[in-house]
Amino acid sequence: MKRFYTAEAVQKDSRVASRCDRILYLLDGKLNGELPLGKWAAGNEQKRESAVAEWLHNMGW
């Protein structure tokens, strides 16, 4: 039997957020954007952090 888990975190640290499978951007309680990152693996931290930083910049951060 497979088990699936969901964890939610409100995060303003892009390094921490880059370890998530996906990032949801909420604005005024509504979904305003999504960045799917896939599973985290050691060795690709810089690539993920850059993707998150670029995405947040494009979202107006």
PDB file of N, CA and C in Angstrom:
ATOM      1  N   MET A   1       0.835  -1.167   0.000  1.00  0.00           N
ATOM      2  CA  MET A   1       0.000   0.000   0.000  1.00  0.00           C
ATOM      3  C   MET A   1       0.892   1.246   0.000  1.00  0.00           C
ATOM      4  N   LYS A   2       0.674   2.118  -0.961  1.00  0.00           N
ATOM      5  CA  LYS A   2       1.420   3.370  -1.026  1.00  0.00           C
ATOM      6  C   LYS A   2       0.765   4.398  -0.142  1.00  0.00           C
ATOM      7  N   ARG A   3       1.594   5.208   0.476  1.00  0.00           N
ATOM      8  CA  ARG A   3       1.096   6.318   1.282  1.00  0.00           C
ATOM      9  C   ARG A   3       1.622   7.608   0.698  1.00  0.00           C
ATOM     10  N   PHE A   4       0.793   8.592   0.677  1.00  0.00           N
ATOM     11  CA  PHE A   4       1.165   9.891   0.167  1.00  0.00           C
ATOM     12  C   PHE A   4       1.036  10.907   1.284  1.00  0.00           C
ATOM     13  N   TYR A   5       1.976  11.812   1.346  1.00  0.00           N
ATOM     14  CA  TYR A   5       1.990  12.823   2.386  1.00  0.00           C
ATOM     15  C   TYR A   5       2.018  14.200   1.755  1.00  0.00           C
ATOM     16  N   THR A   6       1.355  15.113   2.387  1.00  0.00           N
ATOM     17  CA  THR A   6       1.363  16.507   1.964  1.00  0.00           C
ATOM     18  C   THR A   6       1.785  17.357   3.151  1.00  0.00           C
ATOM     19  N   ALA A   7       2.688  18.258   2.884  1.00  0.00           N
ATOM     20  CA  ALA A   7       3.110  19.207   3.911  1.00  0.00           C
ATOM     21  C   ALA A   7       3.005  20.605   3.324  1.00  0.00           C
ATOM     22  N   GLU A   8       2.514  21.517   4.100  1.00  0.00           N
ATOM     23  CA  GLU A   8       2.406  22.902   3.663  1.00  0.00           C
ATOM     24  C   GLU A   8       3.311  23.753   4.533  1.00  0.00           C
ATOM     25  N   ALA A   9       3.945  24.716   3.909  1.00  0.00           N
ATOM     26  CA  ALA A   9       4.792  25.637   4.655  1.00  0.00           C
ATOM     27  C   ALA A   9       4.717  27.006   3.997  1.00  0.00           C
ATOM     28  N   VAL A  10       4.546  28.008   4.799  1.00  0.00           N
ATOM     29  CA  VAL A  10       4.627  29.372   4.299  1.00  0.00           C
ATOM     30  C   VAL A  10       6.083  29.762   4.452  1.00  0.00           C
ATOM     31  N   GLN A  11       6.726  30.054   3.334  1.00  0.00           N
ATOM     32  CA  GLN A  11       8.161  30.242   3.358  1.00  0.00           C
ATOM     33  C   GLN A  11       8.570  31.477   2.582  1.00  0.00           C
ATOM     34  N   LYS A  12       9.448  32.256   3.146  1.00  0.00           N
ATOM     35  CA  LYS A  12       9.977  33.428   2.462  1.00  0.00           C
ATOM     36  C   LYS A  12      11.463  33.266   2.173  1.00  0.00           C
ATOM     37  N   ASP A  13      12.004  32.102   2.487  1.00  0.00           N
ATOM     38  CA  ASP A  13      13.402  31.801   2.217  1.00  0.00           C
ATOM     39  C   ASP A  13      13.466  30.920   0.974  1.00  0.00           C
ATOM     40  N   SER A  14      13.978  31.454  -0.124  1.00  0.00           N
ATOM     41  CA  SER A  14      13.982  30.718  -1.393  1.00  0.00           C
ATOM     42  C   SER A  14      14.876  29.478  -1.334  1.00  0.00           C
ATOM     43  N   ARG A  15      15.902  29.486  -0.473  1.00  0.00           N
ATOM     44  CA  ARG A  15      16.744  28.286  -0.346  1.00  0.00           C
ATOM     45  C   ARG A  15      15.951  27.131   0.258  1.00  0.00           C
ATOM     46  N   VAL A  16      15.148  27.426   1.254  1.00  0.00           N
ATOM     47  CA  VAL A  16      14.305  26.389   1.857  1.00  0.00           C
ATOM     48  C   VAL A  16      13.229  25.960   0.863  1.00  0.00           C
ATOM     49  N   ALA A  17      12.611  26.914   0.208  1.00  0.00           N
ATOM     50  CA  ALA A  17      11.551  26.612  -0.756  1.00  0.00           C
ATOM     51  C   ALA A  17      12.069  25.760  -1.912  1.00  0.00           C
ATOM     52  N   SER A  18      13.331  25.923  -2.278  1.00  0.00           N
ATOM     53  CA  SER A  18      13.875  25.176  -3.419  1.00  0.00           C
ATOM     54  C   SER A  18      13.977  23.682  -3.144  1.00  0.00           C
ATOM     55  N   ARG A  19      13.819  23.263  -1.902  1.00  0.00           N
ATOM     56  CA  ARG A  19      13.834  21.836  -1.571  1.00  0.00           C
ATOM     57  C   ARG A  19      12.455  21.180  -1.700  1.00  0.00           C
ATOM     58  N   CYS A  20      11.436  21.977  -1.984  1.00  0.00           N
ATOM     59  CA  CYS A  20      10.080  21.440  -2.142  1.00  0.00           C
ATOM     60  C   CYS A  20       9.901  20.846  -3.536  1.00  0.00           C
ATOM     61  N   ASP A  21       8.900  19.966  -3.662  1.00  0.00           N
ATOM     62  CA  ASP A  21       8.582  19.393  -4.974  1.00  0.00           C
ATOM     63  C   ASP A  21       7.935  20.419  -5.892  1.00  0.00           C
ATOM     64  N   ARG A  22       7.176  21.312  -5.297  1.00  0.00           N
ATOM     65  CA  ARG A  22       6.560  22.397  -6.075  1.00  0.00           C
ATOM     66  C   ARG A  22       6.278  23.563  -5.144  1.00  0.00           C
ATOM     67  N   ILE A  23       6.181  24.730  -5.761  1.00  0.00           N
ATOM     68  CA  ILE A  23       5.911  25.945  -5.011  1.00  0.00           C
ATOM     69  C   ILE A  23       4.630  26.554  -5.560  1.00  0.00           C
ATOM     70  N   LEU A  24       3.731  26.898  -4.659  1.00  0.00           N
ATOM     71  CA  LEU A  24       2.492  27.576  -5.032  1.00  0.00           C
ATOM     72  C   LEU A  24       2.590  29.022  -4.567  1.00  0.00           C
ATOM     73  N   TYR A  25       2.247  29.936  -5.428  1.00  0.00           N
ATOM     74  CA  TYR A  25       2.276  31.362  -5.104  1.00  0.00           C
ATOM     75  C   TYR A  25       0.845  31.821  -4.880  1.00  0.00           C
ATOM     76  N   LEU A  26       0.540  32.205  -3.652  1.00  0.00           N
ATOM     77  CA  LEU A  26      -0.801  32.669  -3.312  1.00  0.00           C
ATOM     78  C   LEU A  26      -0.790  34.190  -3.190  1.00  0.00           C
ATOM     79  N   LEU A  27      -1.813  34.804  -3.730  1.00  0.00           N
ATOM     80  CA  LEU A  27      -1.963  36.251  -3.646  1.00  0.00           C
ATOM     81  C   LEU A  27      -3.415  36.539  -3.291  1.00  0.00           C
ATOM     82  N   ASP A  28      -3.619  37.197  -2.177  1.00  0.00           N
ATOM     83  CA  ASP A  28      -4.967  37.493  -1.684  1.00  0.00           C
ATOM     84  C   ASP A  28      -5.821  36.234  -1.576  1.00  0.00           C
ATOM     85  N   GLY A  29      -5.200  35.129  -1.133  1.00  0.00           N
ATOM     86  CA  GLY A  29      -5.916  33.883  -0.912  1.00  0.00           C
ATOM     87  C   GLY A  29      -6.215  33.082  -2.161  1.00  0.00           C
ATOM     88  N   LYS A  30      -5.713  33.513  -3.305  1.00  0.00           N
ATOM     89  CA  LYS A  30      -5.963  32.805  -4.566  1.00  0.00           C
ATOM     90  C   LYS A  30      -4.647  32.345  -5.174  1.00  0.00           C
ATOM     91  N   LEU A  31      -4.702  31.184  -5.824  1.00  0.00           N
ATOM     92  CA  LEU A  31      -3.521  30.663  -6.498  1.00  0.00           C
ATOM     93  C   LEU A  31      -3.158  31.576  -7.656  1.00  0.00           C
ATOM     94  N   ASN A  32      -1.937  32.103  -7.610  1.00  0.00           N
ATOM     95  CA  ASN A  32      -1.490  33.064  -8.615  1.00  0.00           C
ATOM     96  C   ASN A  32      -0.347  32.513  -9.462  1.00  0.00           C
ATOM     97  N   GLY A  33       0.202  31.364  -9.089  1.00  0.00           N
ATOM     98  CA  GLY A  33       1.284  30.762  -9.855  1.00  0.00           C
ATOM     99  C   GLY A  33       1.755  29.476  -9.220  1.00  0.00           C
ATOM    100  N   GLU A  34       2.408  28.646 -10.035  1.00  0.00           N
ATOM    101  CA  GLU A  34       2.927  27.371  -9.552  1.00  0.00           C
ATOM    102  C   GLU A  34       4.250  27.079 -10.243  1.00  0.00           C
ATOM    103  N   LEU A  35       5.206  26.596  -9.474  1.00  0.00           N
ATOM    104  CA  LEU A  35       6.499  26.194 -10.009  1.00  0.00           C
ATOM    105  C   LEU A  35       6.747  24.741  -9.613  1.00  0.00           C
ATOM    106  N   PRO A  36       6.576  23.801 -10.555  1.00  0.00           N
ATOM    107  CA  PRO A  36       6.884  22.410 -10.248  1.00  0.00           C
ATOM    108  C   PRO A  36       8.396  22.190 -10.335  1.00  0.00           C
ATOM    109  N   LEU A  37       8.982  21.627  -9.286  1.00  0.00           N
ATOM    110  CA  LEU A  37      10.426  21.404  -9.247  1.00  0.00           C
ATOM    111  C   LEU A  37      10.807  19.931  -9.295  1.00  0.00           C
ATOM    112  N   GLY A  38       9.865  19.037  -9.047  1.00  0.00           N
ATOM    113  CA  GLY A  38      10.194  17.622  -8.988  1.00  0.00           C
ATOM    114  C   GLY A  38      10.874  17.274  -7.676  1.00  0.00           C
ATOM    115  N   LYS A  39      11.267  16.049  -7.556  1.00  0.00           N
ATOM    116  CA  LYS A  39      11.891  15.566  -6.324  1.00  0.00           C
ATOM    117  C   LYS A  39      13.264  16.193  -6.136  1.00  0.00           C
ATOM    118  N   TRP A  40      13.583  16.535  -4.890  1.00  0.00           N
ATOM    119  CA  TRP A  40      14.875  17.097  -4.552  1.00  0.00           C
ATOM    120  C   TRP A  40      15.913  15.984  -4.515  1.00  0.00           C
ATOM    121  N   ALA A  41      17.101  16.280  -4.999  1.00  0.00           N
ATOM    122  CA  ALA A  41      18.219  15.340  -4.919  1.00  0.00           C
ATOM    123  C   ALA A  41      19.494  16.138  -4.650  1.00  0.00           C
ATOM    124  N   ALA A  42      20.365  15.570  -3.850  1.00  0.00           N
ATOM    125  CA  ALA A  42      21.635  16.239  -3.551  1.00  0.00           C
ATOM    126  C   ALA A  42      22.415  16.465  -4.848  1.00  0.00           C
ATOM    127  N   GLY A  43      23.039  17.621  -4.929  1.00  0.00           N
ATOM    128  CA  GLY A  43      23.864  17.923  -6.088  1.00  0.00           C
ATOM    129  C   GLY A  43      23.232  18.881  -7.075  1.00  0.00           C
ATOM    130  N   ASN A  44      21.926  19.139  -6.947  1.00  0.00           N
ATOM    131  CA  ASN A  44      21.292  20.065  -7.883  1.00  0.00           C
ATOM    132  C   ASN A  44      20.748  21.309  -7.179  1.00  0.00           C
ATOM    133  N   GLU A  45      21.305  21.605  -6.019  1.00  0.00           N
ATOM    134  CA  GLU A  45      20.818  22.728  -5.219  1.00  0.00           C
ATOM    135  C   GLU A  45      20.910  24.051  -5.965  1.00  0.00           C
ATOM    136  N   GLN A  46      22.049  24.328  -6.583  1.00  0.00           N
ATOM    137  CA  GLN A  46      22.239  25.608  -7.275  1.00  0.00           C
ATOM    138  C   GLN A  46      21.236  25.790  -8.408  1.00  0.00           C
ATOM    139  N   LYS A  47      21.011  24.750  -9.171  1.00  0.00           N
ATOM    140  CA  LYS A  47      20.064  24.816 -10.287  1.00  0.00           C
ATOM    141  C   LYS A  47      18.651  25.112  -9.779  1.00  0.00           C
ATOM    142  N   ARG A  48      18.253  24.436  -8.719  1.00  0.00           N
ATOM    143  CA  ARG A  48      16.916  24.645  -8.160  1.00  0.00           C
ATOM    144  C   ARG A  48      16.777  26.041  -7.557  1.00  0.00           C
ATOM    145  N   GLU A  49      17.800  26.473  -6.804  1.00  0.00           N
ATOM    146  CA  GLU A  49      17.750  27.803  -6.198  1.00  0.00           C
ATOM    147  C   GLU A  49      17.677  28.888  -7.272  1.00  0.00           C
ATOM    148  N   SER A  50      18.396  28.708  -8.360  1.00  0.00           N
ATOM    149  CA  SER A  50      18.346  29.667  -9.466  1.00  0.00           C
ATOM    150  C   SER A  50      16.964  29.687 -10.120  1.00  0.00           C
ATOM    151  N   ALA A  51      16.381  28.514 -10.297  1.00  0.00           N
ATOM    152  CA  ALA A  51      15.041  28.430 -10.895  1.00  0.00           C
ATOM    153  C   ALA A  51      14.015  29.129 -10.009  1.00  0.00           C
ATOM    154  N   VAL A  52      14.112  28.922  -8.695  1.00  0.00           N
ATOM    155  CA  VAL A  52      13.187  29.567  -7.755  1.00  0.00           C
ATOM    156  C   VAL A  52      13.381  31.076  -7.767  1.00  0.00           C
ATOM    157  N   ALA A  53      14.631  31.527  -7.726  1.00  0.00           N
ATOM    158  CA  ALA A  53      14.914  32.963  -7.724  1.00  0.00           C
ATOM    159  C   ALA A  53      14.388  33.631  -8.997  1.00  0.00           C
ATOM    160  N   GLU A  54      14.582  33.001 -10.141  1.00  0.00           N
ATOM    161  CA  GLU A  54      14.097  33.559 -11.408  1.00  0.00           C
ATOM    162  C   GLU A  54      12.575  33.601 -11.432  1.00  0.00           C
ATOM    163  N   TRP A  55      11.946  32.533 -10.975  1.00  0.00           N
ATOM    164  CA  TRP A  55      10.485  32.455 -10.959  1.00  0.00           C
ATOM    165  C   TRP A  55       9.905  33.539 -10.041  1.00  0.00           C
ATOM    166  N   LEU A  56      10.491  33.684  -8.836  1.00  0.00           N
ATOM    167  CA  LEU A  56      10.016  34.721  -7.923  1.00  0.00           C
ATOM    168  C   LEU A  56      10.211  36.123  -8.494  1.00  0.00           C
ATOM    169  N   HIS A  57      11.330  36.335  -9.160  1.00  0.00           N
ATOM    170  CA  HIS A  57      11.562  37.616  -9.807  1.00  0.00           C
ATOM    171  C   HIS A  57      10.484  37.905 -10.861  1.00  0.00           C
ATOM    172  N   ASN A  58      10.155  36.897 -11.648  1.00  0.00           N
ATOM    173  CA  ASN A  58       9.111  37.046 -12.665  1.00  0.00           C
ATOM    174  C   ASN A  58       7.730  37.251 -12.060  1.00  0.00           C
ATOM    175  N   MET A  59       7.553  36.771 -10.801  1.00  0.00           N
ATOM    176  CA  MET A  59       6.274  36.960 -10.105  1.00  0.00           C
ATOM    177  C   MET A  59       6.204  38.353  -9.445  1.00  0.00           C
ATOM    178  N   GLY A  60       7.295  39.110  -9.528  1.00  0.00           N
ATOM    179  CA  GLY A  60       7.275  40.461  -8.991  1.00  0.00           C
ATOM    180  C   GLY A  60       7.930  40.629  -7.639  1.00  0.00           C
ATOM    181  N   TRP A  61       8.688  39.628  -7.192  1.00  0.00           N
ATOM    182  CA  TRP A  61       9.368  39.728  -5.902  1.00  0.00           C
ATOM    183  C   TRP A  61      10.631  40.493  -6.038  1.00  0.00           C
TER     184      TRP A  61
END
